[in-house]
C-alpha atoms as a PDB file:
ATOM      1  CA  MET A   1      17.008  14.415  -6.458  1.00  0.00           C
ATOM      2  CA  GLY A   2      20.697  14.224  -5.617  1.00  0.00           C
ATOM      3  CA  ARG A   3      22.530  10.957  -5.240  1.00  0.00           C
ATOM      4  CA  TRP A   4      19.528   8.637  -5.723  1.00  0.00           C
ATOM      5  CA  THR A   5      18.450  10.036  -9.108  1.00  0.00           C
ATOM      6  CA  PRO A   6      19.941   7.067 -11.059  1.00  0.00           C
ATOM      7  CA  TRP A   7      18.019   4.661  -8.848  1.00  0.00           C
ATOM      8  CA  ILE A   8      14.763   6.555  -9.329  1.00  0.00           C
ATOM      9  CA  ALA A   9      15.272   6.540 -13.089  1.00  0.00           C
ATOM     10  CA  ALA A  10      16.106   2.826 -12.987  1.00  0.00           C
ATOM     11  CA  GLY A  11      12.999   2.074 -10.956  1.00  0.00           C
ATOM     12  CA  LEU A  12      10.762   3.914 -13.395  1.00  0.00           C
ATOM     13  CA  ALA A  13      12.421   2.174 -16.341  1.00  0.00           C
ATOM     14  CA  ALA A  14      11.917  -1.156 -14.599  1.00  0.00           C
ATOM     15  CA  LEU A  15       8.225  -0.449 -14.264  1.00  0.00           C
ATOM     16  CA  ALA A  16       7.900   0.285 -17.974  1.00  0.00           C
ATOM     17  CA  ALA A  17       9.615  -3.011 -18.754  1.00  0.00           C
ATOM     18  CA  ALA A  18       7.288  -4.919 -16.444  1.00  0.00           C
ATOM     19  CA  GLY A  19       4.263  -4.434 -18.683  1.00  0.00           C
ATOM     20  CA  PRO A  20       0.615  -3.629 -18.092  1.00  0.00           C
ATOM     21  CA  ALA A  21       0.025  -6.268 -15.415  1.00  0.00           C
ATOM     22  CA  SER A  22       2.324  -4.409 -13.047  1.00  0.00           C
ATOM     23  CA  ALA A  23       0.661  -1.049 -13.407  1.00  0.00           C
ATOM     24  CA  GLN A  24      -2.807  -1.991 -12.328  1.00  0.00           C
ATOM     25  CA  GLN A  25      -5.026  -1.078  -9.448  1.00  0.00           C
ATOM     26  CA  GLY A  26      -7.813  -3.499 -10.217  1.00  0.00           C
ATOM     27  CA  PHE A  27      -8.112  -7.250 -10.229  1.00  0.00           C
ATOM     28  CA  GLY A  28      -5.821  -8.271 -13.053  1.00  0.00           C
ATOM     29  CA  ASN A  29      -3.537 -11.280 -12.749  1.00  0.00           C
ATOM     30  CA  PRO A  30      -3.528 -12.077  -9.018  1.00  0.00           C
ATOM     31  CA  ARG A  31      -0.446 -14.302  -9.284  1.00  0.00           C
ATOM     32  CA  LEU A  32       2.915 -12.739  -8.548  1.00  0.00           C
ATOM     33  CA  ASP A  33       5.631 -13.423 -11.095  1.00  0.00           C
ATOM     34  CA  GLU A  34       9.295 -13.445 -10.129  1.00  0.00           C
ATOM     35  CA  LYS A  35      10.099 -12.199 -13.641  1.00  0.00           C
ATOM     36  CA  ASN A  36       8.658  -8.840 -12.547  1.00  0.00           C
ATOM     37  CA  LEU A  37      11.277  -8.434  -9.815  1.00  0.00           C
ATOM     38  CA  ARG A  38      13.178  -5.132 -10.131  1.00  0.00           C
ATOM     39  CA  GLN A  39      15.773  -3.347  -8.019  1.00  0.00           C
ATOM     40  CA  VAL A  40      14.666   0.225  -7.341  1.00  0.00           C
ATOM     41  CA  SER A  41      17.291   1.474  -4.845  1.00  0.00           C
ATOM     42  CA  PRO A  42      20.503   0.178  -3.249  1.00  0.00           C
ATOM     43  CA  HIS A  43      18.615  -1.921  -0.671  1.00  0.00           C
ATOM     44  CA  VAL A  44      15.091  -2.244  -2.047  1.00  0.00           C
ATOM     45  CA  TRP A  45      13.616  -4.551  -4.643  1.00  0.00           C
ATOM     46  CA  VAL A  46      10.005  -4.927  -5.763  1.00  0.00           C
ATOM     47  CA  ILE A  47       7.908  -7.497  -7.583  1.00  0.00           C
ATOM     48  CA  MET A  48       5.539  -5.407  -9.679  1.00  0.00           C
ATOM     49  CA  GLY A  49       2.073  -6.920  -9.662  1.00  0.00           C
ATOM     50  CA  PHE A  50      -1.118  -7.196  -7.633  1.00  0.00           C
ATOM     51  CA  PRO A  51       0.108  -5.829  -5.309  1.00  0.00           C
ATOM     52  CA  ASN A  52       3.654  -4.516  -5.683  1.00  0.00           C
ATOM     53  CA  VAL A  53       5.569  -6.523  -3.062  1.00  0.00           C
ATOM     54  CA  GLY A  54       8.668  -4.893  -1.583  1.00  0.00           C
ATOM     55  CA  PHE A  55      11.915  -6.351  -0.216  1.00  0.00           C
ATOM     56  CA  VAL A  56      14.381  -4.433   1.954  1.00  0.00           C
ATOM     57  CA  VAL A  57      17.620  -6.423   1.976  1.00  0.00           C
ATOM     58  CA  GLY A  58      20.104  -6.081   4.803  1.00  0.00           C
ATOM     59  CA  ASP A  59      23.111  -8.045   5.977  1.00  0.00           C
ATOM     60  CA  LYS A  60      21.245  -9.474   8.977  1.00  0.00           C
ATOM     61  CA  ALA A  61      17.649  -9.691   7.770  1.00  0.00           C
ATOM     62  CA  VAL A  62      15.374  -9.270   4.765  1.00  0.00           C
ATOM     63  CA  LEU A  63      12.080  -7.458   5.274  1.00  0.00           C
ATOM     64  CA  VAL A  64       9.190  -8.412   2.991  1.00  0.00           C
ATOM     65  CA  VAL A  65       6.472  -5.779   2.628  1.00  0.00           C
ATOM     66  CA  ASP A  66       3.129  -7.491   1.876  1.00  0.00           C
ATOM     67  CA  THR A  67       2.391 -11.109   0.985  1.00  0.00           C
ATOM     68  CA  GLY A  68       0.486 -11.215  -2.261  1.00  0.00           C
ATOM     69  CA  LEU A  69      -2.947 -12.834  -2.517  1.00  0.00           C
ATOM     70  CA  GLY A  70      -2.972 -16.122  -0.656  1.00  0.00           C
ATOM     71  CA  ASP A  71      -0.382 -18.627   0.492  1.00  0.00           C
ATOM     72  CA  PRO A  72       1.027 -19.548  -2.966  1.00  0.00           C
ATOM     73  CA  ASN A  73       1.981 -15.908  -3.513  1.00  0.00           C
ATOM     74  CA  GLY A  74       3.287 -15.643   0.028  1.00  0.00           C
ATOM     75  CA  ALA A  75       5.494 -18.672  -0.543  1.00  0.00           C
ATOM     76  CA  LEU A  76       6.863 -17.116  -3.750  1.00  0.00           C
ATOM     77  CA  ALA A  77       7.600 -13.839  -1.952  1.00  0.00           C
ATOM     78  CA  ALA A  78       9.413 -15.740   0.802  1.00  0.00           C
ATOM     79  CA  ARG A  79      11.539 -17.634  -1.749  1.00  0.00           C
ATOM     80  CA  VAL A  80      12.465 -14.406  -3.507  1.00  0.00           C
ATOM     81  CA  ALA A  81      13.440 -12.831  -0.185  1.00  0.00           C
ATOM     82  CA  GLN A  82      15.682 -15.762   0.648  1.00  0.00           C
ATOM     83  CA  LYS A  83      17.350 -15.541  -2.763  1.00  0.00           C
ATOM     84  CA  LEU A  84      17.894 -11.807  -2.419  1.00  0.00           C
ATOM     85  CA  GLY A  85      19.479 -12.310   0.980  1.00  0.00           C
ATOM     86  CA  GLY A  86      21.609 -15.219  -0.062  1.00  0.00           C
ATOM     87  CA  HIS A  87      23.368 -15.520   3.297  1.00  0.00           C
ATOM     88  CA  GLY A  88      20.684 -17.111   5.449  1.00  0.00           C
ATOM     89  CA  GLN A  89      19.467 -13.777   6.793  1.00  0.00           C
ATOM     90  CA  LYS A  90      16.501 -13.665   9.126  1.00  0.00           C
ATOM     91  CA  LEU A  91      13.169 -13.300   7.323  1.00  0.00           C
ATOM     92  CA  ILE A  92      10.797 -10.570   8.541  1.00  0.00           C
ATOM     93  CA  LEU A  93       7.320  -9.886   7.172  1.00  0.00           C
ATOM     94  CA  THR A  94       5.251  -6.749   7.548  1.00  0.00           C
ATOM     95  CA  THR A  95       1.940  -5.819   5.910  1.00  0.00           C
ATOM     96  CA  THR A  96       0.709  -2.376   4.919  1.00  0.00           C
ATOM     97  CA  HIS A  97      -2.951  -3.114   5.702  1.00  0.00           C
ATOM     98  CA  PHE A  98      -5.398  -5.961   6.219  1.00  0.00           C
ATOM     99  CA  HIS A  99      -6.739  -6.492   2.683  1.00  0.00           C
ATOM    100  CA  PRO A 100      -6.155 -10.011   1.303  1.00  0.00           C
ATOM    101  CA  GLU A 101      -3.638  -9.193  -1.437  1.00  0.00           C
ATOM    102  CA  HIS A 102      -1.501  -7.531   1.231  1.00  0.00           C
ATOM    103  CA  ALA A 103      -1.865  -9.842   4.233  1.00  0.00           C
ATOM    104  CA  ALA A 104      -3.631 -13.114   3.338  1.00  0.00           C
ATOM    105  CA  GLY A 105      -0.487 -14.863   2.106  1.00  0.00           C
ATOM    106  CA  GLN A 106       1.158 -15.002   5.527  1.00  0.00           C
ATOM    107  CA  GLY A 107       0.632 -18.759   5.730  1.00  0.00           C
ATOM    108  CA  GLY A 108       2.983 -19.247   2.780  1.00  0.00           C
ATOM    109  CA  PHE A 109       5.974 -17.945   4.736  1.00  0.00           C
ATOM    110  CA  PRO A 110       8.231 -20.510   6.403  1.00  0.00           C
ATOM    111  CA  PRO A 111       8.299 -21.189  10.141  1.00  0.00           C
ATOM    112  CA  GLY A 112      10.590 -18.777  11.934  1.00  0.00           C
ATOM    113  CA  THR A 113       9.504 -15.759   9.890  1.00  0.00           C
ATOM    114  CA  GLU A 114       9.012 -12.833  12.265  1.00  0.00           C
ATOM    115  CA  VAL A 115       5.799 -10.919  11.584  1.00  0.00           C
ATOM    116  CA  VAL A 116       5.641  -7.253  12.598  1.00  0.00           C
ATOM    117  CA  ARG A 117       2.667  -4.896  12.230  1.00  0.00           C
ATOM    118  CA  ASP A 118       0.914  -2.056  14.009  1.00  0.00           C
ATOM    119  CA  LYS A 119      -1.727  -2.846  16.626  1.00  0.00           C
ATOM    120  CA  ALA A 120      -4.508  -1.005  14.828  1.00  0.00           C
ATOM    121  CA  GLN A 121      -3.987  -3.143  11.740  1.00  0.00           C
ATOM    122  CA  GLN A 122      -3.999  -6.372  13.742  1.00  0.00           C
ATOM    123  CA  VAL A 123      -7.305  -5.437  15.355  1.00  0.00           C
ATOM    124  CA  GLU A 124      -8.804  -4.640  11.952  1.00  0.00           C
ATOM    125  CA  LEU A 125      -7.401  -7.858  10.526  1.00  0.00           C
ATOM    126  CA  GLU A 126      -9.007  -9.935  13.261  1.00  0.00           C
ATOM    127  CA  GLN A 127     -12.335  -8.117  12.989  1.00  0.00           C
ATOM    128  CA  ASP A 128     -12.717  -7.992   9.215  1.00  0.00           C
ATOM    129  CA  GLY A 129      -9.913 -10.046   7.662  1.00  0.00           C
ATOM    130  CA  GLN A 130     -11.834 -13.280   7.140  1.00  0.00           C
ATOM    131  CA  LYS A 131     -14.789 -11.408   5.678  1.00  0.00           C
ATOM    132  CA  MET A 132     -12.461  -9.773   3.145  1.00  0.00           C
ATOM    133  CA  ILE A 133     -10.791 -13.088   2.322  1.00  0.00           C
ATOM    134  CA  ASP A 134     -14.212 -14.593   1.590  1.00  0.00           C
ATOM    135  CA  LEU A 135     -15.190 -11.570  -0.518  1.00  0.00           C
ATOM    136  CA  PHE A 136     -12.046 -11.705  -2.645  1.00  0.00           C
ATOM    137  CA  ALA A 137     -12.314 -15.488  -2.993  1.00  0.00           C
ATOM    138  CA  SER A 138     -15.784 -15.022  -4.513  1.00  0.00           C
ATOM    139  CA  ARG A 139     -14.533 -12.669  -7.231  1.00  0.00           C
ATOM    140  CA  SER A 140     -12.979 -15.252  -9.517  1.00  0.00           C
ATOM    141  CA  ALA A 141     -12.072 -18.923  -9.647  1.00  0.00           C
ATOM    142  CA  GLU A 142      -8.366 -18.058  -9.617  1.00  0.00           C
ATOM    143  CA  MET A 143      -8.682 -15.806  -6.584  1.00  0.00           C
ATOM    144  CA  GLY A 144     -10.688 -18.525  -4.859  1.00  0.00           C
ATOM    145  CA  GLU A 145      -7.948 -21.060  -5.593  1.00  0.00           C
ATOM    146  CA  LEU A 146      -5.185 -18.768  -4.337  1.00  0.00           C
ATOM    147  CA  LEU A 147      -7.103 -18.019  -1.142  1.00  0.00           C
ATOM    148  CA  LYS A 148      -8.006 -21.635  -0.398  1.00  0.00           C
ATOM    149  CA  GLY A 149      -7.096 -22.257   3.240  1.00  0.00           C
ATOM    150  CA  ALA A 150      -6.038 -18.640   3.844  1.00  0.00           C
ATOM    151  CA  THR A 151      -6.500 -17.517   7.424  1.00  0.00           C
ATOM    152  CA  VAL A 152      -6.094 -14.366   9.437  1.00  0.00           C
ATOM    153  CA  GLY A 153      -2.472 -14.168  10.574  1.00  0.00           C
ATOM    154  CA  LYS A 154      -1.076 -13.230  13.959  1.00  0.00           C
ATOM    155  CA  ALA A 155       1.902 -10.956  14.543  1.00  0.00           C
ATOM    156  CA  ASP A 156       4.967 -11.759  16.630  1.00  0.00           C
ATOM    157  CA  VAL A 157       5.651  -8.074  17.258  1.00  0.00           C
ATOM    158  CA  LEU A 158       2.988  -5.382  17.595  1.00  0.00           C
ATOM    159  CA  TYR A 159       3.717  -1.686  17.958  1.00  0.00           C
ATOM    160  CA  ASP A 160       1.618   1.370  18.711  1.00  0.00           C
ATOM    161  CA  ARG A 161       2.986   4.225  16.597  1.00  0.00           C
ATOM    162  CA  GLN A 162       6.515   3.450  15.417  1.00  0.00           C
ATOM    163  CA  THR A 163       9.220   0.825  15.462  1.00  0.00           C
ATOM    164  CA  THR A 164      12.608   0.569  13.743  1.00  0.00           C
ATOM    165  CA  LEU A 165      14.064  -2.632  12.324  1.00  0.00           C
ATOM    166  CA  ASP A 166      17.850  -2.904  12.053  1.00  0.00           C
ATOM    167  CA  LEU A 167      18.318  -5.179   9.043  1.00  0.00           C
ATOM    168  CA  GLY A 168      22.102  -4.843   8.982  1.00  0.00           C
ATOM    169  CA  GLY A 169      23.500  -1.914   7.033  1.00  0.00           C
ATOM    170  CA  VAL A 170      20.002  -0.609   6.378  1.00  0.00           C
ATOM    171  CA  HIS A 171      17.001   0.211   8.547  1.00  0.00           C
ATOM    172  CA  ALA A 172      13.243   0.093   8.059  1.00  0.00           C
ATOM    173  CA  ARG A 173      11.119   2.492  10.066  1.00  0.00           C
ATOM    174  CA  LEU A 174       7.543   1.279  10.432  1.00  0.00           C
ATOM    175  CA  TYR A 175       4.902   3.896  11.237  1.00  0.00           C
ATOM    176  CA  TRP A 176       1.219   4.039  12.049  1.00  0.00           C
ATOM    177  CA  PHE A 177       0.167   7.644  11.467  1.00  0.00           C
ATOM    178  CA  GLY A 178      -3.572   7.022  11.753  1.00  0.00           C
ATOM    179  CA  ALA A 179      -6.457   5.949   9.547  1.00  0.00           C
ATOM    180  CA  ALA A 180      -6.540   6.775   5.835  1.00  0.00           C
ATOM    181  CA  HIS A 181      -7.386   3.976   3.356  1.00  0.00           C
ATOM    182  CA  THR A 182      -8.074   1.644   6.302  1.00  0.00           C
ATOM    183  CA  LYS A 183      -7.853   2.026  10.067  1.00  0.00           C
ATOM    184  CA  GLY A 184      -4.484   0.300  10.334  1.00  0.00           C
ATOM    185  CA  ASP A 185      -2.429   1.609   7.391  1.00  0.00           C
ATOM    186  CA  GLU A 186       1.300   1.075   7.904  1.00  0.00           C
ATOM    187  CA  ILE A 187       3.981   3.230   6.274  1.00  0.00           C
ATOM    188  CA  ILE A 188       7.509   1.865   5.777  1.00  0.00           C
ATOM    189  CA  TYR A 189      10.434   4.240   5.325  1.00  0.00           C
ATOM    190  CA  VAL A 190      14.002   3.217   4.414  1.00  0.00           C
ATOM    191  CA  PRO A 191      16.149   6.193   5.480  1.00  0.00           C
ATOM    192  CA  GLU A 192      19.382   5.070   3.838  1.00  0.00           C
ATOM    193  CA  ASP A 193      17.629   5.015   0.448  1.00  0.00           C
ATOM    194  CA  LYS A 194      15.220   7.901   1.121  1.00  0.00           C
ATOM    195  CA  LEU A 195      12.484   5.550  -0.021  1.00  0.00           C
ATOM    196  CA  VAL A 196       8.941   5.061   1.272  1.00  0.00           C
ATOM    197  CA  LEU A 197       6.575   2.132   0.822  1.00  0.00           C
ATOM    198  CA  PRO A 198       3.262   3.799   1.702  1.00  0.00           C
ATOM    199  CA  GLY A 199       0.811   1.007   0.940  1.00  0.00           C
ATOM    200  CA  ASP A 200      -2.342   2.392  -0.656  1.00  0.00           C
ATOM    201  CA  VAL A 201      -1.962   5.778   1.071  1.00  0.00           C
ATOM    202  CA  VAL A 202       0.154   7.328  -1.718  1.00  0.00           C
ATOM    203  CA  GLU A 203      -0.283   6.040  -5.246  1.00  0.00           C
ATOM    204  CA  ASN A 204       0.351   7.381  -8.721  1.00  0.00           C
ATOM    205  CA  ARG A 205      -2.741   9.018 -10.240  1.00  0.00           C
ATOM    206  CA  ILE A 206      -5.148   6.539  -8.628  1.00  0.00           C
ATOM    207  CA  SER A 207      -8.115   8.079  -6.830  1.00  0.00           C
ATOM    208  CA  PRO A 208      -7.959   7.406  -3.067  1.00  0.00           C
ATOM    209  CA  ASN A 209     -10.306   4.633  -1.962  1.00  0.00           C
ATOM    210  CA  ILE A 210     -11.581   5.359   1.546  1.00  0.00           C
ATOM    211  CA  ILE A 211     -12.598   1.931   2.814  1.00  0.00           C
ATOM    212  CA  CYS A 212     -13.325   2.255   6.529  1.00  0.00           C
ATOM    213  CA  ASP A 213     -16.542   3.981   7.570  1.00  0.00           C
ATOM    214  CA  SER A 214     -14.723   6.120  10.146  1.00  0.00           C
ATOM    215  CA  CYS A 215     -12.054   7.328   7.683  1.00  0.00           C
ATOM    216  CA  SER A 216     -12.267  10.567   5.701  1.00  0.00           C
ATOM    217  CA  PRO A 217     -10.320  12.708   3.227  1.00  0.00           C
ATOM    218  CA  ARG A 218      -9.281  14.993   6.097  1.00  0.00           C
ATOM    219  CA  GLN A 219      -7.792  12.094   8.043  1.00  0.00           C
ATOM    220  CA  TRP A 220      -6.054  10.763   4.926  1.00  0.00           C
ATOM    221  CA  ILE A 221      -4.500  14.197   4.346  1.00  0.00           C
ATOM    222  CA  ALA A 222      -3.124  14.140   7.900  1.00  0.00           C
ATOM    223  CA  VAL A 223      -1.385  10.815   7.205  1.00  0.00           C
ATOM    224  CA  VAL A 224       0.040  12.118   3.919  1.00  0.00           C
ATOM    225  CA  ASP A 225       1.395  15.156   5.776  1.00  0.00           C
ATOM    226  CA  HIS A 226       3.316  12.826   8.086  1.00  0.00           C
ATOM    227  CA  ILE A 227       4.766  11.036   5.051  1.00  0.00           C
ATOM    228  CA  ALA A 228       5.781  14.374   3.534  1.00  0.00           C
ATOM    229  CA  ARG A 229       7.868  15.154   6.631  1.00  0.00           C
ATOM    230  CA  LEU A 230      10.001  12.081   5.851  1.00  0.00           C
ATOM    231  CA  LYS A 231      11.014  13.794   2.584  1.00  0.00           C
ATOM    232  CA  PRO A 232      11.171  10.620   0.488  1.00  0.00           C
ATOM    233  CA  GLU A 233      12.877  10.743  -2.888  1.00  0.00           C
ATOM    234  CA  LEU A 234      11.372   7.492  -4.168  1.00  0.00           C
ATOM    235  CA  VAL A 235       7.840   6.175  -3.627  1.00  0.00           C
ATOM    236  CA  VAL A 236       6.946   2.497  -4.075  1.00  0.00           C
ATOM    237  CA  PRO A 237       3.134   2.296  -3.875  1.00  0.00           C
ATOM    238  CA  ASP A 238       1.292  -0.983  -3.365  1.00  0.00           C
ATOM    239  CA  HIS A 239      -0.604  -0.537  -6.640  1.00  0.00           C
ATOM    240  CA  GLY A 240       0.308   1.153  -9.870  1.00  0.00           C
ATOM    241  CA  GLU A 241       3.392   2.940 -11.067  1.00  0.00           C
ATOM    242  CA  LEU A 242       6.482   3.831  -9.079  1.00  0.00           C
ATOM    243  CA  GLY A 243       7.442   7.465  -8.764  1.00  0.00           C
ATOM    244  CA  ASP A 244       9.551  10.048  -7.004  1.00  0.00           C
ATOM    245  CA  GLY A 245       8.774  12.130  -3.941  1.00  0.00           C
ATOM    246  CA  SER A 246       6.439  14.409  -5.910  1.00  0.00           C
ATOM    247  CA  LEU A 247       3.777  11.700  -5.653  1.00  0.00           C
ATOM    248  CA  VAL A 248       3.246  12.702  -2.018  1.00  0.00           C
ATOM    249  CA  ALA A 249       2.310  16.292  -2.887  1.00  0.00           C
ATOM    250  CA  GLN A 250       0.245  15.032  -5.838  1.00  0.00           C
ATOM    251  CA  GLU A 251      -1.767  12.763  -3.535  1.00  0.00           C
ATOM    252  CA  ARG A 252      -2.299  15.545  -1.036  1.00  0.00           C
ATOM    253  CA  GLY A 253      -3.414  17.977  -3.707  1.00  0.00           C
ATOM    254  CA  PHE A 254      -6.045  15.597  -5.018  1.00  0.00           C
ATOM    255  CA  LEU A 255      -7.357  14.849  -1.531  1.00  0.00           C
ATOM    256  CA  ALA A 256      -7.445  18.516  -0.562  1.00  0.00           C
ATOM    257  CA  ASP A 257      -9.405  19.367  -3.715  1.00  0.00           C
ATOM    258  CA  LEU A 258     -11.843  16.524  -3.061  1.00  0.00           C
ATOM    259  CA  ASP A 259     -12.300  17.516   0.572  1.00  0.00           C
ATOM    260  CA  ARG A 260     -12.800  21.193  -0.310  1.00  0.00           C
ATOM    261  CA  ARG A 261     -15.467  20.391  -2.882  1.00  0.00           C
ATOM    262  CA  ALA A 262     -17.277  18.057  -0.487  1.00  0.00           C
ATOM    263  CA  ARG A 263     -17.243  20.543   2.391  1.00  0.00           C
ATOM    264  CA  LEU A 264     -18.599  23.329   0.189  1.00  0.00           C
ATOM    265  CA  ALA A 265     -21.385  21.042  -0.957  1.00  0.00           C
ATOM    266  CA  ARG A 266     -22.213  20.051   2.602  1.00  0.00           C
ATOM    267  CA  SER A 267     -22.253  23.698   3.712  1.00  0.00           C
ATOM    268  CA  ALA A 268     -24.616  24.521   0.852  1.00  0.00           C
ATOM    269  CA  GLY A 269     -26.983  21.757   1.940  1.00  0.00           C
ATOM    270  CA  GLU A 270     -26.566  19.712  -1.244  1.00  0.00           C
ATOM    271  CA  PRO A 271     -27.731  16.094  -0.756  1.00  0.00           C
ATOM    272  CA  VAL A 272     -24.735  13.814  -0.415  1.00  0.00           C
ATOM    273  CA  ASP A 273     -25.682  11.513  -3.311  1.00  0.00           C
ATOM    274  CA  GLU A 274     -26.092  14.448  -5.692  1.00  0.00           C
ATOM    275  CA  ALA A 275     -22.834  15.977  -4.490  1.00  0.00           C
ATOM    276  CA  GLY A 276     -20.968  12.719  -5.010  1.00  0.00           C
ATOM    277  CA  LYS A 277     -22.093  12.376  -8.618  1.00  0.00           C
ATOM    278  CA  ARG A 278     -21.422  16.023  -9.412  1.00  0.00           C
ATOM    279  CA  ILE A 279     -17.982  16.091  -7.803  1.00  0.00           C
ATOM    280  CA  GLN A 280     -17.000  12.872  -9.573  1.00  0.00           C
ATOM    281  CA  ALA A 281     -17.936  14.409 -12.923  1.00  0.00           C
ATOM    282  CA  GLU A 282     -16.019  17.594 -12.125  1.00  0.00           C
ATOM    283  CA  MET A 283     -12.896  15.744 -11.033  1.00  0.00           C
ATOM    284  CA  GLU A 284     -12.962  13.460 -14.051  1.00  0.00           C
ATOM    285  CA  GLY A 285     -12.520  16.605 -16.096  1.00  0.00           C
ATOM    286  CA  ALA A 286      -9.963  18.153 -13.762  1.00  0.00           C
ATOM    287  CA  TYR A 287      -7.752  15.045 -13.428  1.00  0.00           C
ATOM    288  CA  PRO A 288      -7.304  13.416 -16.849  1.00  0.00           C
ATOM    289  CA  GLY A 289      -5.327  10.204 -16.730  1.00  0.00           C
ATOM    290  CA  TRP A 290      -6.389   9.325 -13.180  1.00  0.00           C
ATOM    291  CA  THR A 291      -8.054   5.975 -12.524  1.00  0.00           C
ATOM    292  CA  GLY A 292     -10.409   4.780  -9.808  1.00  0.00           C
ATOM    293  CA  LEU A 293     -12.522   7.954  -9.916  1.00  0.00           C
ATOM    294  CA  GLY A 294     -15.608   5.852  -9.278  1.00  0.00           C
ATOM    295  CA  ASN A 295     -14.463   5.955  -5.634  1.00  0.00           C
ATOM    296  CA  ILE A 296     -15.308   9.653  -5.351  1.00  0.00           C
ATOM    297  CA  PRO A 297     -18.990   9.399  -4.320  1.00  0.00           C
ATOM    298  CA  GLN A 298     -18.023   7.179  -1.396  1.00  0.00           C
ATOM    299  CA  SER A 299     -15.241   9.622  -0.459  1.00  0.00           C
ATOM    300  CA  VAL A 300     -17.763  12.454  -0.506  1.00  0.00           C
ATOM    301  CA  GLN A 301     -19.973  10.457   1.861  1.00  0.00           C
ATOM    302  CA  ARG A 302     -17.009  10.055   4.213  1.00  0.00           C
ATOM    303  CA  ALA A 303     -16.312  13.797   4.049  1.00  0.00           C
ATOM    304  CA  TYR A 304     -19.944  14.616   4.858  1.00  0.00           C
ATOM    305  CA  ALA A 305     -19.804  12.281   7.877  1.00  0.00           C
ATOM    306  CA  ASP A 306     -16.540  13.756   9.214  1.00  0.00           C
ATOM    307  CA  PRO A 307     -17.284  16.325  11.941  1.00  0.00           C
ATOM    308  CA  GLY A 308     -13.737  17.715  11.801  1.00  0.00           C
END
């Protein structure tokens, strides 16, 4: 690990102290709590929760990565960012993808916040964002309350493949490597800290959830391969536990195994529904301790539909 090993250890210890609510993938407490704020590297902090919201703190600007679910959470994230800056730094917001816990709190940020995201994500947000807001709002009374008045946000800066933000003493490189979890997944890399915030694309023992109907395990693997080339030493996923750079290879290995099993089944002419159930059962045995394995039948369907 080299020079960042103490920070990696501190980040993992911080997660353990944060309690079960911070290590979830599902729909636990949707309210962010400033008490779950932890420093995980020299320039990066995170509120562990649903989702894990990141802060990259520079001398000129503070970048917030994701909003939390709805404007009340967005407002809390903005206040935390301003406290972490402490010198009136510019506030910048970016979102890893269009799902409501990641992007539907934009309205809680103060006027003057600069919003940056990739073009593919903005298109997806405008096409499907309101539908997802309505879906999440229907899941519980608390989610409905948090999402009251939430709207699809616009970006001040849109980029195609990559842009770099100079925050003052630290940089954030924002990438769109292609579709994986969604069509517009954004990856944020902080080179000074060798840290990546990969959204839902790399998580810690959580089965990949392939949402978009044109996505596939093969495409997700391609995005993970791009992340691997960054050689991160610390990974801050949007959901679940923090980890070191080995999470990238772990994610790829799971996806490659899933894709291989699905392609063999397709080649053998096995009906997709039967293959999905069988492969889920096999991988439940092969990957003890993983969560979200109910996603596997849908992932198998995506693999069957992928002509690549």
